[in-house]
Amino acid sequence: MVSRIITKYVGNSIVEVKSVGRNKVSIALNNFEKANSILKLDTLKANNMSASIPAFRVIRTGIIKNVPLDISEETILKEFNSHAKIISARRLQRKVRKDGKDELLPSLSVLIKFQGQLLPRALSYIYVSFPVFPYIPHVLMCFSYLRFGHISADCKSIARCARCGQNRHDNQEDCPQARLPPKCCGQEHLPSSAKCPMYIRQRQVYYYAALENVSYAEARSKFGISSRPFPLSSSPVPPSMISTFCLPLPTFPVPFPVLPRVAFRHFMTSIRMASLEAFQNLALP
């Protein structure tokens, strides 16, 4: 149905139409003007559908480090030199323990969003070069339902016990693992442990998605991770059955930028140096 509707307006510009999840279809075109025109089709609204462009298709996110605190975000936007247009700059914060309380203080790292799909090698300011690194977000985990991809504030599922995997107990002493080591993935660790095989695999997915500039759904499929729930238990979990929830990517109803073809090909070849096996064996911090 989607193919028939779109074909009437873009003709033979369609390269590929494929399903990318429940009630979602990805359409690839060879003409950016035709791609932008789909966003405004009234026919889609009439059929209770909407079109948007995934953020990772028009924006790249990077980090610059060791940026002095006296350099403001506005200065970075207006005075830093970059081969790619800087859309936004946000200084990250670091947690500091002071007088028994946690405080958030500005750090020396700044999160930068660039227009297009090309990350510049570096930014320059008053003859000082700031190398740009790909931004690898932290793995989101719900400490209520003990699943990845969302946080407790957005969770609608029943809370579970982190030690045994059953429904959360009113009294922690009622947990069968209360006086025993916690069980997860057939090992003795909490689900939130950085040593958890599920967490490590999720971290690899985040790395792969950021470095290869693909969606999290595509990165999950590369690692054979299912989006289907898998119950927490003391039994070892097969890698293909690891549970995950797709990290929602923001979408923007904005036009595709006119990207330089040579630069884009260079980016794709330079970013695809590592094989999938290399990512799977990656020693993560």
Protein backbone atom coordinates (compact mmCIF):
# COMPACT_ATOMS: atom_id res chain seq x y z
CA MET A 1 0.00 0.00 0.00
CA VAL A 2 2.77 2.45 0.94
CA SER A 3 4.68 1.66 -2.26
CA ARG A 4 1.62 2.34 -4.41
CA ILE A 5 0.95 5.69 -2.73
CA ILE A 6 4.55 6.91 -2.91
CA THR A 7 5.18 5.70 -6.47
CA LYS A 8 2.43 7.98 -7.78
CA TYR A 9 4.41 11.02 -6.63
CA VAL A 10 8.07 10.05 -6.96
CA GLY A 11 7.96 7.66 -9.89
CA ASN A 12 11.04 5.49 -10.36
CA SER A 13 13.11 7.43 -7.80
CA ILE A 14 12.49 4.73 -5.21
CA VAL A 15 15.51 2.52 -4.57
CA GLU A 16 14.17 0.34 -1.75
CA VAL A 17 11.13 -0.09 0.48
CA LYS A 18 11.48 -2.26 3.57
CA SER A 19 9.88 -2.81 6.94
CA VAL A 20 11.93 -1.53 9.89
CA GLY A 21 9.62 -2.38 12.76
CA ARG A 22 6.02 -2.47 13.79
CA ASN A 23 3.99 -0.12 11.58
CA LYS A 24 7.20 1.45 10.21
CA VAL A 25 8.50 1.41 6.66
CA SER A 26 11.82 2.74 5.39
CA ILE A 27 11.89 4.23 1.88
CA ALA A 28 15.19 4.95 0.13
CA LEU A 29 15.24 7.30 -2.86
CA ASN A 30 17.96 8.43 -5.25
CA ASN A 31 16.77 12.05 -5.35
CA PHE A 32 16.79 14.29 -2.25
CA GLU A 33 14.13 16.63 -3.68
CA LYS A 34 11.72 13.74 -4.17
CA ALA A 35 12.56 12.48 -0.67
CA ASN A 36 11.70 15.87 0.81
CA SER A 37 8.44 16.02 -1.12
CA ILE A 38 7.17 12.90 0.66
CA LEU A 39 7.14 14.81 3.95
CA LYS A 40 4.38 17.08 2.66
CA LEU A 41 2.09 14.54 1.02
CA ASP A 42 -1.52 15.08 2.09
CA THR A 43 -2.29 11.57 0.85
CA LEU A 44 -0.32 10.12 3.74
CA LYS A 45 -2.37 12.05 6.30
CA ALA A 46 -5.56 10.94 4.59
CA ASN A 47 -4.43 7.32 5.10
CA ASN A 48 -3.47 7.96 8.74
CA MET A 49 0.25 7.87 7.99
CA SER A 50 3.11 10.31 8.50
CA ALA A 51 6.61 10.67 7.10
CA SER A 52 9.77 11.86 8.82
CA ILE A 53 13.53 11.74 8.35
CA PRO A 54 15.54 9.89 11.05
CA ALA A 55 17.96 12.22 12.79
CA PHE A 56 21.00 10.07 12.00
CA ARG A 57 20.34 10.66 8.28
CA VAL A 58 20.77 14.44 8.51
CA ILE A 59 22.78 15.02 11.71
CA ARG A 60 26.02 13.63 13.14
CA THR A 61 26.94 14.02 16.79
CA GLY A 62 30.50 14.34 18.02
CA ILE A 63 32.45 15.34 21.12
CA ILE A 64 35.37 17.71 21.56
CA LYS A 65 37.42 17.50 24.75
CA ASN A 66 39.64 19.76 26.86
CA VAL A 67 37.57 22.84 26.03
CA PRO A 68 38.34 25.54 28.66
CA LEU A 69 35.38 26.50 30.84
CA ASP A 70 35.65 30.15 29.83
CA ILE A 71 34.66 29.24 26.25
CA SER A 72 30.87 29.46 26.08
CA GLU A 73 28.53 27.39 23.94
CA GLU A 74 27.64 30.53 21.98
CA THR A 75 31.32 31.09 21.19
CA ILE A 76 31.58 27.53 19.84
CA LEU A 77 28.55 28.10 17.61
CA LYS A 78 29.72 31.43 16.21
CA GLU A 79 33.51 31.45 16.29
CA PHE A 80 34.70 27.84 15.95
CA ASN A 81 35.76 26.88 12.43
CA SER A 82 34.36 23.65 11.02
CA HIS A 83 34.07 21.97 7.62
CA ALA A 84 30.54 20.88 8.60
CA LYS A 85 27.93 23.34 9.83
CA ILE A 86 27.58 23.33 13.63
CA ILE A 87 23.92 23.11 14.61
CA SER A 88 24.22 23.05 18.40
CA ALA A 89 26.77 22.86 21.19
CA ARG A 90 26.17 21.67 24.74
CA ARG A 91 28.77 21.41 27.48
CA LEU A 92 28.50 18.12 29.34
CA GLN A 93 28.40 17.91 33.11
CA ARG A 94 30.27 15.71 35.55
CA LYS A 95 29.09 14.40 38.89
CA VAL A 96 31.13 15.45 41.93
CA ARG A 97 30.64 14.27 45.51
CA LYS A 98 30.82 17.24 47.90
CA ASP A 99 29.81 17.39 51.57
CA GLY A 100 27.99 14.07 51.22
CA LYS A 101 25.92 15.27 48.25
CA ASP A 102 26.23 14.80 44.51
CA GLU A 103 26.69 17.95 42.47
CA LEU A 104 26.77 18.45 38.72
CA LEU A 105 29.58 20.69 37.52
CA PRO A 106 30.56 21.72 33.97
CA SER A 107 33.11 19.43 32.35
CA LEU A 108 35.72 20.08 29.68
CA SER A 109 33.80 18.03 27.10
CA VAL A 110 31.31 19.58 24.68
CA LEU A 111 28.66 17.74 22.66
CA ILE A 112 28.44 19.06 19.09
CA LYS A 113 25.74 18.38 16.48
CA PHE A 114 26.75 18.82 12.83
CA GLN A 115 24.56 19.12 9.77
CA GLY A 116 24.94 16.27 7.31
CA GLN A 117 26.54 12.85 7.69
CA LEU A 118 30.17 13.89 7.71
CA LEU A 119 32.03 14.30 10.99
CA PRO A 120 34.88 16.80 10.65
CA ARG A 121 38.30 15.68 11.82
CA ALA A 122 38.65 18.69 14.11
CA LEU A 123 37.40 22.17 14.98
CA SER A 124 39.73 25.14 15.24
CA TYR A 125 39.59 28.24 17.41
CA ILE A 126 42.33 30.88 17.63
CA TYR A 127 44.84 28.47 16.04
CA VAL A 128 43.97 25.71 18.53
CA SER A 129 42.70 22.42 17.12
CA PHE A 130 40.05 20.38 18.93
CA PRO A 131 39.78 16.81 17.51
CA VAL A 132 36.20 15.56 17.01
CA PHE A 133 35.33 12.10 18.33
CA PRO A 134 32.13 10.14 17.57
CA TYR A 135 29.62 10.42 20.39
CA ILE A 136 28.80 7.09 22.03
CA PRO A 137 25.74 7.54 24.27
CA HIS A 138 25.41 5.71 27.57
CA VAL A 139 23.37 2.53 27.51
CA LEU A 140 19.88 3.26 28.79
CA MET A 141 18.60 0.79 31.35
CA CYS A 142 15.35 0.64 33.30
CA PHE A 143 16.11 -0.15 36.95
CA SER A 144 12.45 -1.03 37.48
CA TYR A 145 11.76 -3.64 34.78
CA LEU A 146 15.47 -4.35 34.22
CA ARG A 147 15.45 -3.90 30.46
CA PHE A 148 17.54 -1.78 28.12
CA GLY A 149 16.50 1.12 25.91
CA HIS A 150 14.36 3.13 28.33
CA ILE A 151 14.44 4.50 31.88
CA SER A 152 12.25 3.83 34.92
CA ALA A 153 10.35 7.11 34.55
CA ASP A 154 9.02 5.93 31.16
CA CYS A 155 8.42 2.32 32.14
CA LYS A 156 4.88 0.92 32.21
CA SER A 157 5.78 -2.64 33.13
CA ILE A 158 5.70 -4.34 36.52
CA ALA A 159 8.81 -3.75 38.63
CA ARG A 160 11.08 -6.75 39.09
CA CYS A 161 13.61 -7.84 41.67
CA ALA A 162 17.21 -7.34 40.57
CA ARG A 163 18.42 -10.35 42.54
CA CYS A 164 16.00 -13.08 41.42
CA GLY A 165 14.15 -11.62 38.41
CA GLN A 166 10.68 -12.17 39.85
CA ASN A 167 8.16 -9.43 40.61
CA ARG A 168 9.63 -6.94 43.07
CA HIS A 169 9.09 -7.99 46.69
CA ASP A 170 7.44 -5.75 49.29
CA ASN A 171 10.06 -6.99 51.70
CA GLN A 172 13.51 -7.67 50.29
CA GLU A 173 13.96 -10.46 52.83
CA ASP A 174 11.29 -12.42 50.90
CA CYS A 175 13.62 -12.71 47.91
CA PRO A 176 14.94 -16.28 47.52
CA GLN A 177 18.33 -14.76 46.65
CA ALA A 178 18.34 -12.36 49.62
CA ARG A 179 21.24 -14.13 51.31
CA LEU A 180 22.74 -15.54 48.13
CA PRO A 181 24.63 -13.90 45.27
CA PRO A 182 22.32 -12.37 42.62
CA LYS A 183 21.67 -14.46 39.54
CA CYS A 184 21.66 -13.06 36.02
CA CYS A 185 22.55 -14.72 32.69
CA GLY A 186 23.74 -17.79 34.58
CA GLN A 187 26.35 -15.73 36.43
CA GLU A 188 26.59 -14.10 39.83
CA HIS A 189 26.05 -10.41 39.12
CA LEU A 190 23.31 -7.79 39.12
CA PRO A 191 21.60 -6.86 35.81
CA SER A 192 23.17 -3.40 36.09
CA SER A 193 26.71 -4.78 36.29
CA ALA A 194 29.15 -3.68 33.57
CA LYS A 195 30.25 -7.34 33.43
CA CYS A 196 26.76 -8.51 32.42
CA PRO A 197 26.86 -10.14 28.93
CA MET A 198 23.62 -8.36 28.02
CA TYR A 199 25.07 -4.98 28.97
CA ILE A 200 28.30 -5.65 27.05
CA ARG A 201 26.34 -6.65 23.97
CA GLN A 202 24.18 -3.53 24.23
CA ARG A 203 27.31 -1.41 24.53
CA GLN A 204 28.67 -2.99 21.36
CA VAL A 205 25.42 -2.13 19.57
CA TYR A 206 25.75 1.52 20.64
CA TYR A 207 29.35 1.62 19.41
CA TYR A 208 28.46 0.03 16.08
CA ALA A 209 25.49 2.36 15.50
CA ALA A 210 27.54 5.48 16.25
CA LEU A 211 30.67 4.55 14.30
CA GLU A 212 28.88 3.07 11.29
CA ASN A 213 26.18 5.79 11.33
CA VAL A 214 23.25 3.36 11.17
CA SER A 215 20.02 3.07 13.12
CA TYR A 216 19.91 1.12 16.37
CA ALA A 217 17.46 -1.31 14.77
CA GLU A 218 20.01 -2.11 12.05
CA ALA A 219 22.82 -2.35 14.60
CA ARG A 220 20.77 -4.80 16.70
CA SER A 221 20.12 -6.98 13.69
CA LYS A 222 23.86 -7.02 12.87
CA PHE A 223 24.55 -8.47 16.31
CA GLY A 224 21.60 -10.87 16.16
CA ILE A 225 19.82 -9.25 19.10
CA SER A 226 16.09 -9.77 19.31
CA SER A 227 13.63 -7.05 20.29
CA ARG A 228 11.43 -9.71 21.86
CA PRO A 229 11.27 -9.80 25.72
CA PHE A 230 13.28 -12.55 27.37
CA PRO A 231 12.65 -13.37 31.04
CA LEU A 232 15.44 -12.69 33.51
CA SER A 233 16.59 -15.95 35.04
CA SER A 234 19.59 -17.73 36.46
CA SER A 235 20.04 -19.70 33.23
CA PRO A 236 22.59 -18.62 30.63
CA VAL A 237 20.93 -16.53 27.93
CA PRO A 238 21.69 -17.32 24.28
CA PRO A 239 23.06 -14.23 22.48
CA SER A 240 20.26 -14.40 19.89
CA MET A 241 17.65 -14.14 22.65
CA ILE A 242 19.10 -11.17 24.51
CA SER A 243 16.28 -8.75 25.26
CA THR A 244 16.46 -5.14 24.26
CA PHE A 245 14.20 -2.25 23.50
CA CYS A 246 15.00 0.04 20.61
CA LEU A 247 16.43 3.34 21.76
CA PRO A 248 14.03 5.90 20.26
CA LEU A 249 15.74 8.16 17.77
CA PRO A 250 14.40 11.68 17.36
CA THR A 251 12.96 12.38 13.93
CA PHE A 252 12.80 15.71 12.20
CA PRO A 253 10.38 16.75 9.41
CA VAL A 254 13.18 18.78 7.83
CA PRO A 255 14.69 18.57 4.33
CA PHE A 256 17.66 16.44 3.45
CA PRO A 257 20.76 18.59 3.09
CA VAL A 258 22.60 18.72 -0.22
CA LEU A 259 25.61 16.61 0.71
CA PRO A 260 28.84 16.50 -1.34
CA ARG A 261 28.97 13.09 -2.99
CA VAL A 262 32.76 12.70 -2.81
CA ALA A 263 32.88 13.60 0.87
CA PHE A 264 30.04 11.19 1.62
CA ARG A 265 31.75 8.30 -0.17
CA HIS A 266 34.96 9.10 1.66
CA PHE A 267 33.13 9.07 4.96
CA MET A 268 31.48 5.74 4.27
CA THR A 269 34.73 4.07 3.29
CA SER A 270 36.74 5.55 6.14
CA ILE A 271 34.18 4.66 8.80
CA ARG A 272 33.73 1.05 7.65
CA MET A 273 37.24 -0.06 8.35
CA ALA A 274 36.38 -2.40 11.23
CA SER A 275 34.60 -5.68 10.58
CA LEU A 276 31.65 -6.93 12.60
CA GLU A 277 33.94 -9.43 14.30
CA ALA A 278 36.15 -6.58 15.45
CA PHE A 279 33.18 -4.89 17.09
CA GLN A 280 32.11 -8.13 18.75
CA ASN A 281 35.59 -8.56 20.24
CA LEU A 282 35.87 -4.90 21.20
CA ALA A 283 37.13 -4.34 24.74
CA LEU A 284 34.81 -1.61 25.98
CA PRO A 285 35.64 0.82 28.80
